[in-house]
Protein backbone atom coordinates (compact mmCIF):
# COMPACT_ATOMS: atom_id res chain seq x y z
CA UNK A 1 53.95 88.49 -104.88
CA UNK A 2 54.07 85.47 -107.14
CA UNK A 3 58.28 85.67 -106.99
CA UNK A 4 58.19 86.13 -103.30
CA UNK A 5 56.11 83.12 -103.06
CA UNK A 6 58.37 81.14 -105.07
CA UNK A 7 61.28 82.23 -103.18
CA UNK A 8 59.73 81.05 -99.92
CA UNK A 9 58.97 77.81 -101.37
CA UNK A 10 62.57 77.29 -102.60
CA UNK A 11 63.88 78.27 -99.55
CA UNK A 12 61.66 76.04 -97.05
CA UNK A 13 60.48 72.97 -99.12
CA UNK A 14 62.98 72.31 -101.47
CA UNK A 15 64.82 70.15 -99.34
CA UNK A 16 66.58 67.01 -99.62
CA UNK A 17 65.84 65.49 -96.23
CA UNK A 18 61.70 66.18 -97.33
CA UNK A 19 62.25 64.88 -100.49
CA UNK A 20 63.49 61.36 -99.06
CA UNK A 21 60.79 61.68 -95.68
CA UNK A 22 58.12 62.01 -99.54
CA UNK A 23 59.71 59.17 -100.94
CA UNK A 24 60.01 57.12 -98.02
CA UNK A 25 56.62 57.26 -96.76
CA UNK A 26 55.37 56.90 -100.22
CA UNK A 27 56.60 53.78 -100.39
CA UNK A 28 55.62 52.81 -96.98
CA UNK A 29 52.38 53.90 -97.82
CA UNK A 30 52.12 51.45 -100.75
CA UNK A 31 53.49 48.40 -98.87
CA UNK A 32 50.88 48.90 -96.39
CA UNK A 33 48.04 49.10 -98.68
CA UNK A 34 49.42 45.95 -100.34
CA UNK A 35 49.41 44.50 -96.76
CA UNK A 36 45.79 45.24 -96.66
CA UNK A 37 45.11 43.49 -100.10
CA UNK A 38 46.69 40.54 -98.78
CA UNK A 39 45.23 39.94 -95.64
CA UNK A 40 41.69 41.48 -96.26
CA UNK A 41 40.72 40.87 -100.21
CA UNK A 42 38.63 37.97 -100.66
CA UNK A 43 40.07 38.07 -104.20
CA UNK A 44 43.70 37.86 -103.09
CA UNK A 45 42.98 33.79 -103.62
CA UNK A 46 44.06 34.03 -107.33
CA UNK A 47 41.09 31.30 -107.36
CA UNK A 48 38.17 33.46 -105.75
CA UNK A 49 39.38 35.95 -108.48
CA UNK A 50 39.26 34.05 -111.69
CA UNK A 51 36.00 32.54 -111.02
CA UNK A 52 34.37 35.81 -109.51
CA UNK A 53 34.99 37.86 -112.73
CA UNK A 54 33.39 34.71 -114.76
CA UNK A 55 30.09 34.47 -112.46
CA UNK A 56 30.32 38.61 -112.80
CA UNK A 57 29.60 38.34 -116.22
CA UNK A 58 26.30 36.45 -115.21
CA UNK A 59 25.22 38.12 -111.98
CA UNK A 60 26.94 41.61 -112.27
CA UNK A 61 25.58 44.74 -113.50
CA UNK A 62 21.49 45.69 -113.44
CA UNK A 63 19.61 43.41 -110.79
CA UNK A 64 16.62 41.24 -112.57
CA UNK A 65 14.32 38.54 -111.11
CA UNK A 66 16.26 36.28 -113.47
CA UNK A 67 19.84 36.69 -112.00
CA UNK A 68 18.25 36.46 -108.63
CA UNK A 69 16.96 32.97 -109.89
CA UNK A 70 19.35 32.01 -111.29
CA UNK A 71 22.15 33.02 -108.58
CA UNK A 72 19.68 31.47 -105.69
CA UNK A 73 19.77 27.86 -107.88
CA UNK A 74 23.43 27.68 -107.49
CA UNK A 75 23.38 28.64 -104.30
CA UNK A 76 20.16 26.70 -102.36
CA UNK A 77 21.58 23.34 -103.18
CA UNK A 78 25.08 24.45 -101.57
CA UNK A 79 23.44 25.89 -98.47
CA UNK A 80 21.19 23.08 -98.12
CA UNK A 81 24.29 20.40 -98.31
CA UNK A 82 26.41 22.67 -95.39
CA UNK A 83 23.42 23.02 -93.43
CA UNK A 84 23.35 18.84 -93.11
CA UNK A 85 26.90 18.73 -91.95
CA UNK A 86 27.53 15.78 -94.08
CA UNK A 87 28.85 16.71 -97.14
CA UNK A 88 32.27 15.30 -98.63
CA UNK A 89 35.40 17.58 -98.12
CA UNK A 90 36.88 16.01 -100.90
CA UNK A 91 39.39 17.96 -102.99
CA UNK A 92 37.72 19.13 -106.50
CA UNK A 93 35.05 16.92 -106.87
CA UNK A 94 33.35 17.30 -110.30
CA UNK A 95 30.12 19.17 -108.57
CA UNK A 96 32.41 22.15 -107.07
CA UNK A 97 33.95 24.97 -108.63
CA UNK A 98 36.73 25.69 -105.79
CA UNK A 99 37.88 23.15 -103.65
CA UNK A 100 35.00 21.54 -102.16
CA UNK A 101 31.01 22.20 -100.90
CA UNK A 102 32.37 24.51 -98.15
CA UNK A 103 34.42 26.53 -100.16
CA UNK A 104 32.07 27.18 -102.78
CA UNK A 105 29.09 28.24 -100.46
CA UNK A 106 31.54 30.90 -99.08
CA UNK A 107 32.32 32.28 -102.29
CA UNK A 108 28.70 32.57 -103.57
CA UNK A 109 27.38 33.66 -100.11
CA UNK A 110 30.22 37.14 -99.48
CA UNK A 111 30.72 37.57 -102.99
CA UNK A 112 27.17 37.36 -104.93
CA UNK A 113 24.19 36.65 -102.38
CA UNK A 114 24.73 39.01 -99.43
CA UNK A 115 25.63 41.62 -101.52
CA UNK A 116 22.77 41.18 -103.90
CA UNK A 117 20.21 40.65 -100.97
CA UNK A 118 21.71 43.84 -99.15
CA UNK A 119 21.49 46.04 -102.89
CA UNK A 120 17.93 44.34 -103.51
CA UNK A 121 16.25 44.75 -100.11
CA UNK A 122 17.70 48.87 -99.40
CA UNK A 123 15.31 50.31 -101.33
CA UNK A 124 12.39 49.17 -98.97
CA UNK A 125 14.60 49.51 -96.24
CA UNK A 126 14.74 53.54 -97.11
CA UNK A 127 10.96 53.73 -97.60
CA UNK A 128 10.79 52.43 -94.48
CA UNK A 129 13.40 55.02 -93.00
CA UNK A 130 11.65 57.86 -94.55
CA UNK A 131 7.97 56.55 -93.24
CA UNK A 132 9.49 56.26 -90.02
CA UNK A 133 11.00 59.93 -90.04
CA UNK A 134 6.96 61.34 -91.20
CA UNK A 135 5.68 59.44 -88.48
CA UNK A 136 8.06 61.13 -86.14
CA UNK A 137 7.48 64.68 -87.86
CA UNK A 138 3.84 64.71 -86.69
CA UNK A 139 4.80 63.49 -83.36
CA UNK A 140 7.04 65.95 -82.59
CA UNK A 141 4.61 68.97 -84.14
CA UNK A 142 1.87 67.62 -81.89
CA UNK A 143 4.64 68.12 -79.17
CA UNK A 144 5.53 71.63 -80.27
CA UNK A 145 9.18 70.14 -80.69
CA UNK A 146 10.56 72.05 -83.59
CA UNK A 147 13.79 70.66 -83.45
CA UNK A 148 13.02 67.27 -83.56
CA UNK A 149 10.62 68.02 -86.32
CA UNK A 150 13.28 69.34 -88.53
CA UNK A 151 15.56 66.59 -87.47
CA UNK A 152 13.04 64.16 -88.69
CA UNK A 153 12.24 66.41 -91.75
CA UNK A 154 15.82 66.58 -92.83
CA UNK A 155 16.02 62.59 -92.53
CA UNK A 156 13.20 61.88 -94.79
CA UNK A 157 14.52 63.94 -97.14
CA UNK A 158 17.62 62.60 -97.12
CA UNK A 159 16.27 59.09 -97.77
CA UNK A 160 13.74 59.65 -100.26
CA UNK A 161 13.98 57.94 -103.45
CA UNK A 162 17.17 56.28 -102.78
CA UNK A 163 17.93 52.71 -103.78
CA UNK A 164 20.29 50.20 -105.61
CA UNK A 165 19.77 49.11 -108.75
CA UNK A 166 23.07 47.72 -109.31
CA UNK A 167 25.28 44.77 -108.36
CA UNK A 168 29.08 46.16 -108.68
CA UNK A 169 32.34 45.20 -107.10
CA UNK A 170 33.21 47.33 -104.34
CA UNK A 171 35.61 46.07 -102.22
CA UNK A 172 37.92 48.13 -103.22
CA UNK A 173 36.00 51.24 -102.00
CA UNK A 174 35.35 49.23 -98.62
CA UNK A 175 38.73 49.08 -97.56
CA UNK A 176 39.59 52.65 -99.50
CA UNK A 177 37.29 54.52 -96.76
CA UNK A 178 38.80 53.02 -93.82
CA UNK A 179 41.80 53.75 -94.73
CA UNK A 180 43.65 56.39 -92.51
CA UNK A 181 47.42 55.21 -92.36
CA UNK A 182 48.62 57.86 -95.08
CA UNK A 183 47.23 60.65 -93.62
CA UNK A 184 49.23 60.45 -90.65
CA UNK A 185 52.17 60.37 -92.98
CA UNK A 186 51.00 63.75 -94.36
CA UNK A 187 51.03 65.52 -90.81
CA UNK A 188 54.25 64.10 -89.93
CA UNK A 189 55.57 65.65 -93.46
CA UNK A 190 53.90 69.01 -93.18
CA UNK A 191 55.12 69.07 -89.41
CA UNK A 192 58.87 68.21 -90.18
CA UNK A 193 58.25 70.75 -93.11
CA UNK A 194 56.37 73.73 -91.37
CA UNK A 195 58.69 74.04 -88.62
CA UNK A 196 61.58 75.94 -90.29
CA UNK A 197 59.08 78.36 -92.29
CA UNK A 198 59.04 80.86 -89.48
CA UNK A 199 62.16 79.71 -87.28
CA UNK A 200 64.59 80.09 -90.28
CA UNK A 201 64.29 83.37 -90.57
CA UNK A 202 64.38 83.79 -86.93
CA UNK A 203 67.63 81.82 -86.49
CA UNK A 204 69.57 83.06 -89.22
CA UNK A 205 68.57 86.79 -88.11
CA UNK A 206 66.98 87.25 -91.24
CA UNK A 207 64.07 88.48 -89.89
CA UNK A 208 66.17 91.71 -88.39
CA UNK A 209 67.53 92.14 -92.14
CA UNK A 210 63.47 91.82 -93.40
CA UNK A 211 62.58 94.42 -91.09
CA UNK A 212 64.38 97.08 -93.34
CA UNK A 213 62.79 95.80 -96.81
CA UNK A 214 59.54 96.79 -98.69
CA UNK A 215 58.42 92.88 -98.51
CA UNK A 216 59.54 92.37 -95.07
CA UNK A 217 56.56 93.08 -93.07
CA UNK A 218 53.11 91.91 -94.23
CA UNK A 219 54.14 90.74 -97.85
CA UNK A 220 56.46 88.46 -96.82
CA UNK A 221 54.44 86.45 -94.00
CA UNK A 222 51.44 86.03 -96.60
CA UNK A 223 54.26 84.71 -98.62
CA UNK A 224 54.91 82.44 -96.38
CA UNK A 225 51.61 81.60 -95.60
CA UNK A 226 50.44 80.93 -99.10
CA UNK A 227 53.88 79.06 -99.48
CA UNK A 228 52.71 77.10 -96.49
CA UNK A 229 49.12 76.02 -97.84
CA UNK A 230 50.78 75.08 -101.25
CA UNK A 231 53.02 72.92 -99.62
CA UNK A 232 50.40 71.00 -97.92
CA UNK A 233 47.99 70.81 -100.51
CA UNK A 234 50.70 69.48 -102.93
CA UNK A 235 51.96 66.58 -100.58
CA UNK A 236 48.25 66.17 -99.58
CA UNK A 237 46.91 65.62 -103.42
CA UNK A 238 49.98 63.58 -104.05
CA UNK A 239 48.99 60.57 -100.92
CA UNK A 240 45.38 60.99 -101.90
CA UNK A 241 45.99 60.55 -105.56
CA UNK A 242 48.74 57.50 -104.43
CA UNK A 243 46.07 55.85 -101.95
CA UNK A 244 43.47 55.77 -104.74
CA UNK A 245 45.89 54.61 -107.52
CA UNK A 246 47.57 51.70 -105.36
CA UNK A 247 44.36 50.62 -103.89
CA UNK A 248 42.27 50.52 -107.73
CA UNK A 249 45.42 48.36 -109.13
CA UNK A 250 46.41 45.90 -106.18
CA UNK A 251 42.33 45.18 -105.99
CA UNK A 252 42.27 45.49 -109.71
CA UNK A 253 38.95 47.39 -109.50
CA UNK A 254 38.88 50.64 -111.71
CA UNK A 255 35.02 50.51 -111.92
CA UNK A 256 31.93 51.09 -109.32
CA UNK A 257 32.88 55.17 -109.20
CA UNK A 258 29.49 55.68 -110.34
CA UNK A 259 27.88 53.34 -107.53
CA UNK A 260 26.11 55.25 -104.90
CA UNK A 261 27.60 55.77 -101.57
CA UNK A 262 25.34 53.41 -99.34
CA UNK A 263 25.96 50.56 -101.42
CA UNK A 264 28.84 50.12 -98.66
CA UNK A 265 26.66 48.52 -95.86
CA UNK A 266 28.53 50.34 -93.37
CA UNK A 267 27.22 53.52 -95.18
CA UNK A 268 23.60 52.22 -95.15
CA UNK A 269 22.99 55.56 -93.02
CA UNK A 270 25.08 57.52 -95.60
CA UNK A 271 24.72 61.48 -94.84
CA UNK A 272 24.90 62.36 -98.26
CA UNK A 273 23.45 61.04 -101.52
CA UNK A 274 26.79 60.56 -103.81
CA UNK A 275 28.83 58.24 -105.72
CA UNK A 276 31.64 56.47 -104.47
CA UNK A 277 34.00 58.57 -106.95
CA UNK A 278 31.98 62.03 -105.94
CA UNK A 279 32.81 60.73 -102.29
CA UNK A 280 36.36 59.94 -103.17
CA UNK A 281 37.02 63.38 -104.06
CA UNK A 282 34.83 65.19 -101.40
CA UNK A 283 36.94 62.90 -98.82
CA UNK A 284 40.17 63.92 -100.07
CA UNK A 285 39.01 67.85 -99.86
CA UNK A 286 37.82 67.66 -96.72
CA UNK A 287 41.33 65.62 -95.54
CA UNK A 288 43.28 68.54 -97.12
CA UNK A 289 41.08 70.90 -95.22
CA UNK A 290 42.36 69.43 -92.03
CA UNK A 291 45.47 69.15 -92.64
CA UNK A 292 45.52 73.15 -93.75
CA UNK A 293 44.34 73.57 -89.64
CA UNK A 294 46.88 71.52 -88.32
CA UNK A 295 49.44 73.46 -90.58
CA UNK A 296 48.56 77.02 -89.40
CA UNK A 297 48.57 75.32 -85.55
CA UNK A 298 52.21 74.16 -86.33
CA UNK A 299 53.48 77.45 -87.56
CA UNK A 300 51.86 79.51 -84.75
CA UNK A 301 54.41 77.45 -82.69
CA UNK A 302 57.19 77.98 -84.70
CA UNK A 303 56.67 81.73 -84.35
CA UNK A 304 56.30 81.59 -80.63
CA UNK A 305 60.06 80.28 -80.27
CA UNK A 306 62.90 80.55 -81.79
CA UNK A 307 64.25 76.68 -81.59
CA UNK A 308 62.85 74.14 -83.67
CA UNK A 309 63.15 71.58 -81.44
CA UNK A 310 60.26 72.70 -78.64
CA UNK A 311 57.63 73.30 -81.55
CA UNK A 312 57.82 70.45 -83.07
CA UNK A 313 57.71 68.43 -79.62
CA UNK A 314 54.94 70.38 -78.85
CA UNK A 315 53.28 70.20 -82.70
CA UNK A 316 53.69 66.17 -82.59
CA UNK A 317 52.03 66.04 -78.83
CA UNK A 318 48.91 68.57 -79.87
CA UNK A 319 48.58 65.68 -82.71
CA UNK A 320 48.33 62.72 -80.85
CA UNK A 321 46.13 64.21 -78.47
CA UNK A 322 43.57 65.04 -81.48
CA UNK A 323 44.06 61.25 -82.84
CA UNK A 324 43.21 60.15 -79.06
CA UNK A 325 40.41 62.28 -78.56
CA UNK A 326 39.31 61.38 -82.10
CA UNK A 327 39.50 57.51 -81.22
CA UNK A 328 38.03 57.87 -77.93
CA UNK A 329 34.76 59.71 -79.22
CA UNK A 330 34.87 57.91 -82.58
CA UNK A 331 31.48 56.51 -82.86
CA UNK A 332 30.11 58.25 -79.80
CA UNK A 333 26.60 60.27 -79.76
CA UNK A 334 28.91 63.02 -78.00
CA UNK A 335 29.16 64.99 -81.57
CA UNK A 336 29.89 68.31 -80.28
CA UNK A 337 33.90 66.81 -79.00
CA UNK A 338 33.67 65.08 -82.79
CA UNK A 339 33.13 68.31 -84.67
CA UNK A 340 35.12 70.39 -82.72
CA UNK A 341 38.42 68.39 -82.94
CA UNK A 342 40.41 68.78 -86.36
CA UNK A 343 41.65 65.08 -86.72
CA UNK A 344 37.92 64.38 -87.04
CA UNK A 345 38.70 65.81 -91.22
CA UNK A 346 41.12 63.44 -91.61
CA UNK A 347 38.79 60.30 -90.53
CA UNK A 348 35.85 62.00 -92.07
CA UNK A 349 33.74 58.78 -92.98
CA UNK A 350 32.78 59.31 -89.28
CA UNK A 351 31.27 62.52 -90.39
CA UNK A 352 29.65 60.52 -93.80
CA UNK A 353 28.61 57.35 -92.32
CA UNK A 354 25.39 58.66 -90.79
CA UNK A 355 23.52 61.55 -90.74
CA UNK A 356 24.36 63.50 -87.13
CA UNK A 357 23.52 66.67 -85.83
CA UNK A 358 24.34 69.16 -83.53
CA UNK A 359 22.01 71.74 -82.55
CA UNK A 360 23.20 75.37 -83.11
CA UNK A 361 20.58 78.30 -82.26
CA UNK A 362 17.70 75.69 -81.74
CA UNK A 363 18.60 74.36 -85.61
CA UNK A 364 20.00 71.01 -86.40
CA UNK A 365 23.28 71.44 -88.30
CA UNK A 366 24.59 67.85 -89.63
CA UNK A 367 27.72 67.03 -88.30
CA UNK A 368 30.20 67.23 -91.53
CA UNK A 369 28.96 70.83 -91.99
CA UNK A 370 29.50 71.67 -88.18
CA UNK A 371 33.09 70.42 -88.63
CA UNK A 372 33.98 72.41 -91.90
CA UNK A 373 32.79 75.60 -89.66
CA UNK A 374 34.49 74.50 -86.51
CA UNK A 375 38.05 74.00 -88.61
CA UNK A 376 37.09 77.26 -90.48
CA UNK A 377 36.71 78.95 -86.73
CA UNK A 378 40.04 77.38 -85.97
CA UNK A 379 41.87 78.44 -89.03
CA UNK A 380 40.93 82.25 -88.26
CA UNK A 381 41.99 82.24 -84.85
CA UNK A 382 45.29 80.39 -85.67
CA UNK A 383 45.81 83.20 -88.29
CA UNK A 384 44.86 85.92 -86.16
CA UNK A 385 47.49 84.33 -83.72
CA UNK A 386 50.37 84.01 -86.07
CA UNK A 387 49.72 87.85 -87.39
CA UNK A 388 49.95 89.23 -83.69
CA UNK A 389 52.79 86.85 -82.94
CA UNK A 390 54.52 88.25 -86.12
CA UNK A 391 53.36 91.85 -85.35
CA UNK A 392 55.13 91.39 -81.81
CA UNK A 393 58.37 90.45 -83.25
CA UNK A 394 58.30 92.96 -85.75
CA UNK A 395 57.68 95.85 -82.42
CA UNK A 396 60.49 94.06 -80.64
CA UNK A 397 62.83 94.22 -83.21
CA UNK A 398 61.91 97.68 -84.18
CA UNK A 399 62.83 98.31 -80.49
CA UNK A 400 66.13 96.37 -80.65
CA UNK A 401 66.73 98.60 -83.72
CA UNK A 402 66.29 102.31 -81.85
CA UNK A 403 67.89 101.05 -78.97
CA UNK A 404 71.04 100.20 -81.38
CA UNK A 405 71.04 102.98 -82.56
CA UNK A 406 70.52 105.73 -79.53
CA UNK A 407 73.60 103.21 -78.45
CA UNK A 408 75.22 104.49 -81.25
CA UNK A 409 74.51 107.84 -81.16
CA UNK A 410 75.48 108.56 -77.61
CA UNK A 411 78.80 106.96 -78.21
CA UNK A 412 79.15 109.08 -81.29
CA UNK A 413 78.68 112.45 -79.03
CA UNK A 414 81.45 111.97 -77.01
CA UNK A 415 84.66 111.08 -79.22
CA UNK A 416 87.86 109.72 -77.92
């Protein structure tokens, strides 16, 4: 089987056109990440970057009252001057660190005051969520509503003990978790690469010859599926690693991996208590799972036709529909529609950004678990469809073979 898988891999995925597409999309991906850095990074300005790391030695790390007092001793005078709207805008006055008072005020407000305030107050916020959830549990128990009671019990358990003890530079992760462009590149490469896996044998009529070999049936199909899965996983892993390395290098940030996910303000209600580094790994695995579902869909389409053009167009259209549905229902309360769409796994921040539930037999199931289960169901159905399509092809080819044999025998029965 290993040799057969290797043969299928070489036959379908060691193509110059695929390597060119992989290289081209990789370059475009890095260029796109660089544009995100230049457009959105607060430290893209060399002056801000230099001052930030100077002050990080004073204010970064564990949050203490002493650090807060030192920071506010710098910030409050700036805030008062800006509030009066009469301060000088003269360039580089002796009492400023950057170009003028307004730029100093913006620098400290955005880079230190607001992040430290959010981190310092988060523990009290989480405790408030736990108290509210416990009150809801008592209320819904009095009404006999076990579903809502379980939901609030899960929320209370999730937020219990949450805190952000340290200030870390998380700007890279803020943009990294919202970056989806590479997923589109991987989807297009997989669509292009997988279209030929089944069609190649049909177009070259190799499928007729395979019927006469020991590995021509189920073993050959299993080898194709394994090779396709390895191809999708390999391409996915390459782009996810490229994303992380490019973001880390361009933002000059290799730390903060141990900071909690909810240190990002957009994840204030994060559905998991994991670190940013753990989330990066989990997100990559979930994205790959979503791409494997799309890969099975592409393989099923290619097994239904004898020409690559139609399944490619249908596969691309199907992908665009899934993307459109995800855009329409992103952030909506229609959780079932979101979790049934496999594309949600490629933009899984929507699953982990806040805790949402779907009702399964009256039990509240977190949306990220429901989405993974839905993907597993889709995968099983698509695998079944591929197997049925392969069986029909075998039966049809077998029937054609018998017809040819009968015709040949008839010709032999009446020699000229």
